[in-house]
């Protein structure tokens, strides 16, 4: 499915650009490559999707899950 692969690459490139903008504004850490942050984001999105499909998370919880883990990690407050 070359079309799906091409589309996935385009989405990843846009995600990298989003992470770069976050780094430029100081919202996201600058000591990690933007590609690493984008890969992390994509992995979290896939995990949230799988957890939702399996019934471990509601669809409305997924965005907050991704945001919390991406921006704050798994550390205790």
N, C-alpha and C. Protein backbone atom coordinates (compact mmCIF):
# COMPACT_ATOMS: atom_id res chain seq x y z
N UNK A 1 0.83 -1.18 0.00
CA UNK A 1 0.00 0.00 0.00
C UNK A 1 0.87 1.24 0.00
N UNK A 2 1.48 1.54 -1.13
CA UNK A 2 2.39 2.70 -1.21
C UNK A 2 1.70 4.03 -0.86
N UNK A 3 0.43 4.16 -1.18
CA UNK A 3 -0.28 5.41 -0.89
C UNK A 3 -0.36 5.65 0.62
N UNK A 4 -0.63 4.61 1.39
CA UNK A 4 -0.69 4.75 2.85
C UNK A 4 0.67 5.12 3.41
N UNK A 5 1.71 4.53 2.87
CA UNK A 5 3.06 4.83 3.33
C UNK A 5 3.42 6.28 3.03
N UNK A 6 3.07 6.73 1.85
CA UNK A 6 3.34 8.12 1.46
C UNK A 6 2.58 9.08 2.38
N UNK A 7 1.33 8.77 2.68
CA UNK A 7 0.52 9.62 3.55
C UNK A 7 1.09 9.62 4.97
N UNK A 8 1.51 8.46 5.46
CA UNK A 8 2.08 8.38 6.81
C UNK A 8 3.36 9.21 6.90
N UNK A 9 4.18 9.18 5.87
CA UNK A 9 5.41 9.99 5.86
C UNK A 9 5.07 11.47 5.89
N UNK A 10 4.06 11.88 5.12
CA UNK A 10 3.66 13.29 5.08
C UNK A 10 3.16 13.74 6.46
N UNK A 11 2.39 12.89 7.12
CA UNK A 11 1.89 13.22 8.46
C UNK A 11 3.05 13.34 9.43
N UNK A 12 4.02 12.44 9.33
CA UNK A 12 5.17 12.50 10.23
C UNK A 12 5.97 13.77 10.01
N UNK A 13 6.17 14.15 8.76
CA UNK A 13 6.91 15.39 8.46
C UNK A 13 6.19 16.60 9.07
N UNK A 14 4.87 16.63 8.97
CA UNK A 14 4.11 17.73 9.57
C UNK A 14 4.21 17.71 11.10
N UNK A 15 4.25 16.51 11.66
CA UNK A 15 4.39 16.39 13.12
C UNK A 15 5.76 16.89 13.57
N UNK A 16 6.80 16.59 12.80
CA UNK A 16 8.14 17.10 13.12
C UNK A 16 8.13 18.63 13.08
N UNK A 17 7.49 19.20 12.08
CA UNK A 17 7.42 20.66 11.98
C UNK A 17 6.68 21.26 13.17
N UNK A 18 5.62 20.60 13.61
CA UNK A 18 4.89 21.05 14.79
C UNK A 18 5.79 21.03 16.02
N UNK A 19 6.55 19.96 16.18
CA UNK A 19 7.46 19.86 17.32
C UNK A 19 8.55 20.93 17.25
N UNK A 20 9.04 21.21 16.06
CA UNK A 20 10.05 22.28 15.89
C UNK A 20 9.48 23.62 16.31
N UNK A 21 8.22 23.90 15.94
CA UNK A 21 7.60 25.16 16.36
C UNK A 21 7.45 25.21 17.87
N UNK A 22 7.09 24.08 18.47
CA UNK A 22 7.00 24.02 19.93
C UNK A 22 8.33 24.28 20.59
N UNK A 23 9.40 23.79 19.99
CA UNK A 23 10.73 24.03 20.53
C UNK A 23 11.13 25.49 20.37
N UNK A 24 10.81 26.08 19.22
CA UNK A 24 11.16 27.47 18.95
C UNK A 24 10.46 28.42 19.93
N UNK A 25 9.25 28.08 20.34
CA UNK A 25 8.50 28.95 21.26
C UNK A 25 8.84 28.67 22.72
N UNK A 26 9.58 27.60 22.97
CA UNK A 26 9.95 27.26 24.33
C UNK A 26 8.94 26.36 25.04
N UNK A 27 7.85 25.99 24.37
CA UNK A 27 6.87 25.09 24.98
C UNK A 27 7.43 23.68 25.14
N UNK A 28 8.19 23.24 24.14
CA UNK A 28 8.78 21.90 24.18
C UNK A 28 10.28 22.00 24.40
N UNK A 29 10.83 21.01 25.05
CA UNK A 29 12.26 20.99 25.35
C UNK A 29 13.08 21.01 24.06
N UNK A 30 14.18 21.73 24.13
CA UNK A 30 15.03 21.88 22.96
C UNK A 30 16.24 20.97 22.97
N UNK A 31 16.39 20.17 24.01
CA UNK A 31 17.56 19.30 24.09
C UNK A 31 17.33 17.93 23.47
N UNK A 32 16.20 17.74 22.84
CA UNK A 32 15.88 16.50 22.13
C UNK A 32 15.60 16.85 20.67
N UNK A 33 15.98 15.99 19.76
CA UNK A 33 15.65 16.25 18.36
C UNK A 33 14.14 16.27 18.14
N UNK A 34 13.69 17.14 17.26
CA UNK A 34 12.26 17.23 16.95
C UNK A 34 11.73 15.90 16.41
N UNK A 35 12.57 15.17 15.69
CA UNK A 35 12.13 13.87 15.18
C UNK A 35 11.85 12.90 16.32
N UNK A 36 12.64 12.99 17.40
CA UNK A 36 12.40 12.13 18.56
C UNK A 36 11.08 12.49 19.22
N UNK A 37 10.84 13.78 19.38
CA UNK A 37 9.57 14.22 19.98
C UNK A 37 8.39 13.80 19.10
N UNK A 38 8.54 13.92 17.80
CA UNK A 38 7.46 13.52 16.89
C UNK A 38 7.21 12.02 16.97
N UNK A 39 8.26 11.24 17.03
CA UNK A 39 8.11 9.79 17.16
C UNK A 39 7.42 9.42 18.46
N UNK A 40 7.78 10.13 19.53
CA UNK A 40 7.14 9.89 20.83
C UNK A 40 5.66 10.22 20.76
N UNK A 41 5.34 11.36 20.17
CA UNK A 41 3.94 11.76 20.02
C UNK A 41 3.16 10.71 19.23
N UNK A 42 3.72 10.26 18.12
CA UNK A 42 3.05 9.26 17.28
C UNK A 42 2.85 7.95 18.05
N UNK A 43 3.85 7.56 18.82
CA UNK A 43 3.73 6.36 19.63
C UNK A 43 2.64 6.48 20.69
N UNK A 44 2.55 7.65 21.31
CA UNK A 44 1.50 7.89 22.30
C UNK A 44 0.12 7.88 21.64
N UNK A 45 0.02 8.45 20.46
CA UNK A 45 -1.26 8.46 19.75
C UNK A 45 -1.69 7.04 19.40
N UNK A 46 -0.76 6.23 18.95
CA UNK A 46 -1.08 4.85 18.62
C UNK A 46 -1.50 4.08 19.88
N UNK A 47 -0.80 4.30 20.98
CA UNK A 47 -1.14 3.64 22.24
C UNK A 47 -2.53 4.05 22.70
N UNK A 48 -2.83 5.34 22.64
CA UNK A 48 -4.15 5.83 23.05
C UNK A 48 -5.24 5.21 22.17
N UNK A 49 -4.98 5.09 20.90
CA UNK A 49 -5.94 4.47 19.98
C UNK A 49 -6.19 3.02 20.36
N UNK A 50 -5.12 2.27 20.61
CA UNK A 50 -5.25 0.87 20.99
C UNK A 50 -5.98 0.72 22.32
N UNK A 51 -5.64 1.56 23.30
CA UNK A 51 -6.32 1.49 24.60
C UNK A 51 -7.80 1.81 24.47
N UNK A 52 -8.13 2.72 23.58
CA UNK A 52 -9.53 3.07 23.35
C UNK A 52 -10.26 1.89 22.70
N UNK A 53 -9.65 1.30 21.69
CA UNK A 53 -10.27 0.14 21.01
C UNK A 53 -10.48 -1.03 21.96
N UNK A 54 -9.54 -1.21 22.88
CA UNK A 54 -9.63 -2.33 23.83
C UNK A 54 -10.52 -2.02 25.03
N UNK A 55 -11.04 -0.80 25.11
CA UNK A 55 -11.94 -0.44 26.19
C UNK A 55 -11.26 -0.03 27.48
N UNK A 56 -9.95 0.21 27.45
CA UNK A 56 -9.22 0.62 28.64
C UNK A 56 -9.23 2.13 28.84
N UNK A 57 -9.69 2.85 27.83
CA UNK A 57 -9.70 4.30 27.87
C UNK A 57 -10.87 4.78 27.01
N UNK A 58 -11.54 5.82 27.46
CA UNK A 58 -12.60 6.40 26.66
C UNK A 58 -12.01 7.32 25.59
N UNK A 59 -12.72 7.49 24.51
CA UNK A 59 -12.25 8.32 23.41
C UNK A 59 -11.98 9.75 23.86
N UNK A 60 -12.74 10.24 24.83
CA UNK A 60 -12.54 11.61 25.31
C UNK A 60 -11.31 11.72 26.21
N UNK A 61 -10.83 10.62 26.74
CA UNK A 61 -9.65 10.64 27.59
C UNK A 61 -8.35 10.69 26.79
N UNK A 62 -8.38 10.20 25.57
CA UNK A 62 -7.16 10.05 24.77
C UNK A 62 -6.36 11.34 24.60
N UNK A 63 -6.97 12.46 24.21
CA UNK A 63 -6.16 13.68 24.05
C UNK A 63 -5.45 14.11 25.33
N UNK A 64 -6.15 14.01 26.47
CA UNK A 64 -5.51 14.38 27.73
C UNK A 64 -4.38 13.44 28.09
N UNK A 65 -4.56 12.15 27.80
CA UNK A 65 -3.50 11.16 28.03
C UNK A 65 -2.25 11.53 27.24
N UNK A 66 -2.43 11.79 25.95
CA UNK A 66 -1.30 12.13 25.09
C UNK A 66 -0.61 13.40 25.59
N UNK A 67 -1.38 14.42 25.89
CA UNK A 67 -0.83 15.69 26.37
C UNK A 67 -0.07 15.50 27.68
N UNK A 68 -0.68 14.81 28.63
CA UNK A 68 -0.04 14.65 29.94
C UNK A 68 1.27 13.88 29.86
N UNK A 69 1.27 12.79 29.12
CA UNK A 69 2.48 11.98 29.04
C UNK A 69 3.56 12.69 28.21
N UNK A 70 3.16 13.32 27.10
CA UNK A 70 4.14 14.01 26.26
C UNK A 70 4.79 15.18 27.01
N UNK A 71 3.97 15.98 27.69
CA UNK A 71 4.50 17.18 28.32
C UNK A 71 5.03 16.97 29.74
N UNK A 72 4.54 15.93 30.43
CA UNK A 72 4.93 15.76 31.82
C UNK A 72 5.52 14.39 32.16
N UNK A 73 5.51 13.48 31.21
CA UNK A 73 6.06 12.15 31.45
C UNK A 73 5.23 11.34 32.42
N UNK A 74 5.84 10.34 33.00
CA UNK A 74 5.14 9.44 33.90
C UNK A 74 5.50 9.72 35.36
N UNK A 75 6.13 10.84 35.62
CA UNK A 75 6.56 11.15 36.98
C UNK A 75 5.38 11.52 37.87
N UNK A 76 5.55 11.31 39.16
CA UNK A 76 4.54 11.73 40.12
C UNK A 76 4.64 13.24 40.30
N UNK A 77 3.57 13.85 40.60
CA UNK A 77 3.58 15.31 40.77
C UNK A 77 4.16 15.73 42.06
